[in-house]
C-alpha atoms as a PDB file:
ATOM      1  CA  MET A   1      98.528-110.331  17.767  1.00  0.00           C
ATOM      2  CA  GLN A   2      95.367-108.402  17.517  1.00  0.00           C
ATOM      3  CA  SER A   3      92.147-110.354  16.928  1.00  0.00           C
ATOM      4  CA  GLU A   4      89.796-109.138  14.152  1.00  0.00           C
ATOM      5  CA  VAL A   5      86.410-108.458  14.790  1.00  0.00           C
ATOM      6  CA  LEU A   6      84.214-109.539  12.155  1.00  0.00           C
ATOM      7  CA  THR A   7      81.273-107.157  11.263  1.00  0.00           C
ATOM      8  CA  PRO A   8      78.345-108.320   9.129  1.00  0.00           C
ATOM      9  CA  TYR A   9      80.347-107.049   6.118  1.00  0.00           C
ATOM     10  CA  HIS A  10      83.455-109.162   6.749  1.00  0.00           C
ATOM     11  CA  SER A  11      83.666-112.877   5.139  1.00  0.00           C
ATOM     12  CA  GLY A  12      85.104-115.494   7.094  1.00  0.00           C
ATOM     13  CA  ASP A  13      88.637-115.386   5.433  1.00  0.00           C
ATOM     14  CA  GLY A  14      88.953-111.588   6.672  1.00  0.00           C
ATOM     15  CA  LYS A  15      88.125-109.946   3.412  1.00  0.00           C
ATOM     16  CA  LYS A  16      85.770-106.972   3.475  1.00  0.00           C
ATOM     17  CA  MET A  17      82.567-107.249   1.294  1.00  0.00           C
ATOM     18  CA  ASN A  18      80.219-104.610   0.177  1.00  0.00           C
ATOM     19  CA  LYS A  19      76.664-104.478   1.331  1.00  0.00           C
ATOM     20  CA  HIS A  20      75.410-106.000  -2.054  1.00  0.00           C
ATOM     21  CA  MET A  21      77.763-108.978  -1.887  1.00  0.00           C
ATOM     22  CA  HIS A  22      76.538-109.628   1.805  1.00  0.00           C
ATOM     23  CA  ASN A  23      72.975-109.363   0.981  1.00  0.00           C
ATOM     24  CA  ARG A  24      73.386-111.878  -1.921  1.00  0.00           C
ATOM     25  CA  ILE A  25      75.005-114.345   0.400  1.00  0.00           C
ATOM     26  CA  GLU A  26      72.455-113.969   3.073  1.00  0.00           C
ATOM     27  CA  ARG A  27      69.614-114.510   0.348  1.00  0.00           C
ATOM     28  CA  THR A  28      71.130-118.039  -0.523  1.00  0.00           C
ATOM     29  CA  ASP A  29      71.084-119.144   2.860  1.00  0.00           C
ATOM     30  CA  ARG A  30      67.225-119.092   3.036  1.00  0.00           C
ATOM     31  CA  ARG A  31      66.719-122.283   1.616  1.00  0.00           C
ATOM     32  CA  THR A  32      64.538-124.834   3.328  1.00  0.00           C
ATOM     33  CA  ALA A  33      65.405-128.394   3.778  1.00  0.00           C
ATOM     34  CA  LEU A  34      62.887-129.887   1.632  1.00  0.00           C
ATOM     35  CA  ASP A  35      63.625-130.138  -1.935  1.00  0.00           C
ATOM     36  CA  ARG A  36      60.849-130.387  -4.531  1.00  0.00           C
ATOM     37  CA  ARG A  37      63.046-132.371  -6.621  1.00  0.00           C
ATOM     38  CA  GLY A  38      63.504-135.143  -4.174  1.00  0.00           C
ATOM     39  CA  LYS A  39      62.135-137.769  -6.575  1.00  0.00           C
ATOM     40  CA  PRO A  40      62.626-138.289 -10.422  1.00  0.00           C
ATOM     41  CA  ALA A  41      59.774-137.630 -12.836  1.00  0.00           C
ATOM     42  CA  ASP A  42      57.089-140.178 -13.483  1.00  0.00           C
ATOM     43  CA  LEU A  43      57.821-142.423 -16.441  1.00  0.00           C
ATOM     44  CA  CYS A  44      54.564-141.945 -17.808  1.00  0.00           C
ATOM     45  CA  SER A  45      53.409-138.363 -16.851  1.00  0.00           C
ATOM     46  CA  THR A  46      50.494-136.182 -18.279  1.00  0.00           C
ATOM     47  CA  TYR A  47      52.990-134.167 -19.955  1.00  0.00           C
ATOM     48  CA  MET A  48      54.522-136.814 -22.154  1.00  0.00           C
ATOM     49  CA  LEU A  49      52.081-136.190 -24.952  1.00  0.00           C
ATOM     50  CA  THR A  50      51.093-132.660 -24.079  1.00  0.00           C
ATOM     51  CA  GLY A  51      54.295-131.112 -23.396  1.00  0.00           C
ATOM     52  CA  GLY A  52      55.534-129.151 -20.474  1.00  0.00           C
ATOM     53  CA  ARG A  53      57.926-126.280 -19.556  1.00  0.00           C
ATOM     54  CA  ARG A  54      61.167-127.855 -19.774  1.00  0.00           C
ATOM     55  CA  ARG A  55      62.998-128.723 -22.913  1.00  0.00           C
ATOM     56  CA  LEU A  56      66.383-129.623 -21.876  1.00  0.00           C
ATOM     57  CA  SER A  57      68.310-130.224 -18.741  1.00  0.00           C
ATOM     58  CA  ARG A  58      69.392-127.034 -17.238  1.00  0.00           C
ATOM     59  CA  ARG A  59      72.531-127.824 -15.072  1.00  0.00           C
ATOM     60  CA  ARG A  60      75.565-129.266 -16.313  1.00  0.00           C
ATOM     61  CA  GLY A  61      75.442-132.087 -13.668  1.00  0.00           C
ATOM     62  CA  ASP A  62      72.075-133.059 -14.742  1.00  0.00           C
ATOM     63  CA  LYS A  63      73.387-134.079 -18.120  1.00  0.00           C
ATOM     64  CA  ARG A  64      75.158-136.866 -16.421  1.00  0.00           C
ATOM     65  CA  LYS A  65      72.112-138.345 -14.696  1.00  0.00           C
ATOM     66  CA  HIS A  66      69.424-140.274 -16.279  1.00  0.00           C
ATOM     67  CA  LEU A  67      66.840-137.654 -16.382  1.00  0.00           C
ATOM     68  CA  ILE A  68      63.285-137.866 -18.060  1.00  0.00           C
ATOM     69  CA  VAL A  69      62.156-134.423 -19.170  1.00  0.00           C
ATOM     70  CA  ASP A  70      58.508-133.941 -19.766  1.00  0.00           C
ATOM     71  CA  SER A  71      58.553-132.606 -23.261  1.00  0.00           C
ATOM     72  CA  TYR A  72      59.278-133.979 -26.615  1.00  0.00           C
ATOM     73  CA  SER A  73      60.354-132.218 -29.854  1.00  0.00           C
ATOM     74  CA  SER A  74      58.494-132.731 -33.238  1.00  0.00           C
ATOM     75  CA  TRP A  75      61.556-134.202 -34.882  1.00  0.00           C
ATOM     76  CA  LEU A  76      61.553-136.844 -32.128  1.00  0.00           C
ATOM     77  CA  TRP A  77      58.018-137.615 -33.134  1.00  0.00           C
ATOM     78  CA  VAL A  78      58.832-137.726 -36.767  1.00  0.00           C
ATOM     79  CA  LYS A  79      61.715-140.044 -36.108  1.00  0.00           C
ATOM     80  CA  LEU A  80      59.756-142.406 -34.027  1.00  0.00           C
ATOM     81  CA  LEU A  81      56.743-142.457 -36.597  1.00  0.00           C
ATOM     82  CA  SER A  82      59.254-142.849 -39.396  1.00  0.00           C
ATOM     83  CA  ILE A  83      60.569-145.889 -37.775  1.00  0.00           C
ATOM     84  CA  TYR A  84      57.098-147.286 -37.023  1.00  0.00           C
ATOM     85  CA  THR A  85      55.974-146.599 -40.391  1.00  0.00           C
ATOM     86  CA  LEU A  86      58.839-148.169 -42.190  1.00  0.00           C
ATOM     87  CA  SER A  87      58.500-151.173 -39.883  1.00  0.00           C
ATOM     88  CA  LEU A  88      54.789-151.551 -40.910  1.00  0.00           C
ATOM     89  CA  ILE A  89      55.798-151.114 -44.389  1.00  0.00           C
ATOM     90  CA  ASP A  90      58.520-154.017 -43.945  1.00  0.00           C
ATOM     91  CA  ALA A  91      55.952-156.254 -42.390  1.00  0.00           C
ATOM     92  CA  TYR A  92      53.550-156.040 -45.439  1.00  0.00           C
ATOM     93  CA  LEU A  93      56.279-156.325 -48.156  1.00  0.00           C
ATOM     94  CA  THR A  94      57.725-159.265 -46.172  1.00  0.00           C
ATOM     95  CA  VAL A  95      54.185-161.057 -45.995  1.00  0.00           C
ATOM     96  CA  PHE A  96      53.652-160.037 -49.778  1.00  0.00           C
ATOM     97  CA  LEU A  97      56.953-161.382 -50.934  1.00  0.00           C
ATOM     98  CA  ILE A  98      56.680-164.747 -48.889  1.00  0.00           C
ATOM     99  CA  ASP A  99      52.963-165.220 -50.585  1.00  0.00           C
ATOM    100  CA  LEU A 100      54.707-164.719 -53.827  1.00  0.00           C
ATOM    101  CA  GLY A 101      57.219-167.312 -53.031  1.00  0.00           C
ATOM    102  CA  VAL A 102      60.411-165.241 -53.596  1.00  0.00           C
ATOM    103  CA  ALA A 103      61.479-164.608 -50.003  1.00  0.00           C
ATOM    104  CA  GLU A 104      61.441-166.582 -46.732  1.00  0.00           C
ATOM    105  CA  GLU A 105      61.498-165.024 -43.128  1.00  0.00           C
ATOM    106  CA  ILE A 106      64.985-165.775 -41.640  1.00  0.00           C
ATOM    107  CA  ASN A 107      64.088-164.348 -38.244  1.00  0.00           C
ATOM    108  CA  PRO A 108      63.400-167.372 -36.281  1.00  0.00           C
ATOM    109  CA  VAL A 109      61.024-165.465 -33.725  1.00  0.00           C
ATOM    110  CA  MET A 110      59.183-163.915 -36.617  1.00  0.00           C
ATOM    111  CA  ALA A 111      59.007-166.998 -38.692  1.00  0.00           C
ATOM    112  CA  PHE A 112      57.224-168.613 -35.333  1.00  0.00           C
ATOM    113  CA  TYR A 113      54.264-165.794 -35.485  1.00  0.00           C
ATOM    114  CA  LEU A 114      54.362-166.116 -39.433  1.00  0.00           C
ATOM    115  CA  GLY A 115      53.345-169.769 -38.777  1.00  0.00           C
ATOM    116  CA  TYR A 116      50.057-168.372 -37.179  1.00  0.00           C
ATOM    117  CA  GLY A 117      49.167-166.267 -40.180  1.00  0.00           C
ATOM    118  CA  PRO A 118      50.018-162.873 -41.495  1.00  0.00           C
ATOM    119  CA  ARG A 119      47.852-160.902 -39.174  1.00  0.00           C
ATOM    120  CA  SER A 120      49.604-162.297 -36.000  1.00  0.00           C
ATOM    121  CA  PHE A 121      52.913-161.715 -37.875  1.00  0.00           C
ATOM    122  CA  VAL A 122      52.123-158.039 -38.588  1.00  0.00           C
ATOM    123  CA  VAL A 123      50.735-157.525 -35.253  1.00  0.00           C
ATOM    124  CA  MET A 124      53.807-158.870 -33.407  1.00  0.00           C
ATOM    125  CA  LYS A 125      56.252-157.077 -35.611  1.00  0.00           C
ATOM    126  CA  LEU A 126      54.449-153.803 -34.747  1.00  0.00           C
ATOM    127  CA  LEU A 127      54.376-154.729 -31.142  1.00  0.00           C
ATOM    128  CA  PHE A 128      58.210-155.516 -31.080  1.00  0.00           C
ATOM    129  CA  THR A 129      58.970-152.248 -32.841  1.00  0.00           C
ATOM    130  CA  ALA A 130      56.578-150.143 -30.662  1.00  0.00           C
ATOM    131  CA  VAL A 131      57.996-151.133 -27.066  1.00  0.00           C
ATOM    132  CA  PRO A 132      61.550-150.109 -28.019  1.00  0.00           C
ATOM    133  CA  LEU A 133      60.434-146.891 -29.412  1.00  0.00           C
ATOM    134  CA  PHE A 134      58.510-146.130 -26.160  1.00  0.00           C
ATOM    135  CA  LEU A 135      61.798-146.612 -24.340  1.00  0.00           C
ATOM    136  CA  LEU A 136      63.608-144.807 -26.730  1.00  0.00           C
ATOM    137  CA  CYS A 137      61.206-141.959 -26.480  1.00  0.00           C
ATOM    138  CA  LEU A 138      61.738-141.860 -22.759  1.00  0.00           C
ATOM    139  CA  SER A 139      65.572-141.937 -22.905  1.00  0.00           C
ATOM    140  CA  LYS A 140      65.589-139.093 -25.820  1.00  0.00           C
ATOM    141  CA  ASP A 141      68.619-137.191 -24.459  1.00  0.00           C
ATOM    142  CA  PHE A 142      71.249-139.975 -24.408  1.00  0.00           C
ATOM    143  CA  SER A 143      73.638-139.898 -26.996  1.00  0.00           C
ATOM    144  CA  LEU A 144      73.246-143.768 -27.643  1.00  0.00           C
ATOM    145  CA  THR A 145      69.447-143.238 -28.154  1.00  0.00           C
ATOM    146  CA  LYS A 146      70.108-140.478 -30.892  1.00  0.00           C
ATOM    147  CA  ILE A 147      72.376-142.856 -32.582  1.00  0.00           C
ATOM    148  CA  THR A 148      69.979-145.813 -32.406  1.00  0.00           C
ATOM    149  CA  LEU A 149      67.180-143.677 -33.875  1.00  0.00           C
ATOM    150  CA  ARG A 150      69.235-142.607 -36.856  1.00  0.00           C
ATOM    151  CA  SER A 151      70.623-145.916 -37.596  1.00  0.00           C
ATOM    152  CA  SER A 152      67.218-147.631 -37.225  1.00  0.00           C
ATOM    153  CA  ILE A 153      65.671-145.247 -39.873  1.00  0.00           C
ATOM    154  CA  MET A 154      68.753-145.984 -42.214  1.00  0.00           C
ATOM    155  CA  ILE A 155      68.428-149.728 -41.610  1.00  0.00           C
ATOM    156  CA  TYR A 156      64.641-149.953 -42.115  1.00  0.00           C
ATOM    157  CA  LEU A 157      64.862-147.778 -45.149  1.00  0.00           C
ATOM    158  CA  SER A 158      67.619-149.983 -46.586  1.00  0.00           C
ATOM    159  CA  ILE A 159      65.446-153.125 -45.928  1.00  0.00           C
ATOM    160  CA  VAL A 160      62.274-151.468 -47.637  1.00  0.00           C
ATOM    161  CA  ILE A 161      64.292-150.386 -50.441  1.00  0.00           C
ATOM    162  CA  TYR A 162      65.701-153.948 -50.849  1.00  0.00           C
ATOM    163  CA  GLU A 163      62.109-155.561 -50.573  1.00  0.00           C
ATOM    164  CA  ILE A 164      60.670-153.021 -53.309  1.00  0.00           C
ATOM    165  CA  SER A 165      63.637-153.990 -55.586  1.00  0.00           C
ATOM    166  CA  ILE A 166      62.829-157.713 -55.154  1.00  0.00           C
ATOM    167  CA  LEU A 167      58.960-156.850 -55.913  1.00  0.00           C
ATOM    168  CA  LEU A 168      60.014-155.170 -58.776  1.00  0.00           C
ATOM    169  CA  LYS A 169      62.216-158.019 -60.157  1.00  0.00           C
ATOM    170  CA  HIS A 170      59.374-160.512 -59.631  1.00  0.00           C
ATOM    171  CA  SER A 171      56.656-158.433 -60.833  1.00  0.00           C
ATOM    172  CA  PRO A 172      54.760-158.844 -64.241  1.00  0.00           C
ATOM    173  CA  PHE A 173      55.594-155.401 -64.948  1.00  0.00           C
ATOM    174  CA  SER A 174      59.192-155.744 -64.256  1.00  0.00           C
ATOM    175  CA  LEU A 175      61.464-152.856 -65.704  1.00  0.00           C
ATOM    176  CA  PHE A 176      64.730-155.160 -64.882  1.00  0.00           C
END
């Protein structure tokens, strides 16, 4: 059996390659051992608020990893600010309804802070809202985060509407 001599235009399996294919394979082998992506992005980078170049994960395999990209969409900010604003409205309506004597705080943690006064109650309510929102912002591309943001808006909106209905029933200008 005659042995085949491999030329630069032969692949390892004996098939002939044209010059273009050979050059393309040769170019891909010029990589260095140092990979600039050796470490993940910082949690709090300068691009967090100013934005960066990358909007989404580029590779299919990256979508399965816990990546933190350096750009946040306007819709994400709208969702986060909506939740924070609804939380603020909920806090003030809760304090107002408790002062009217028509409601009570059923959350024991928040009832504890309400014992220190309305200001500490509102501050702690906003702090307990802001920290999870920050974490949800960092993990914005996970499907669970997207579901959590949407459901949080719906839940807070329902709570605020319920509190407004209680307020309208017990106000002197009641329509009901």
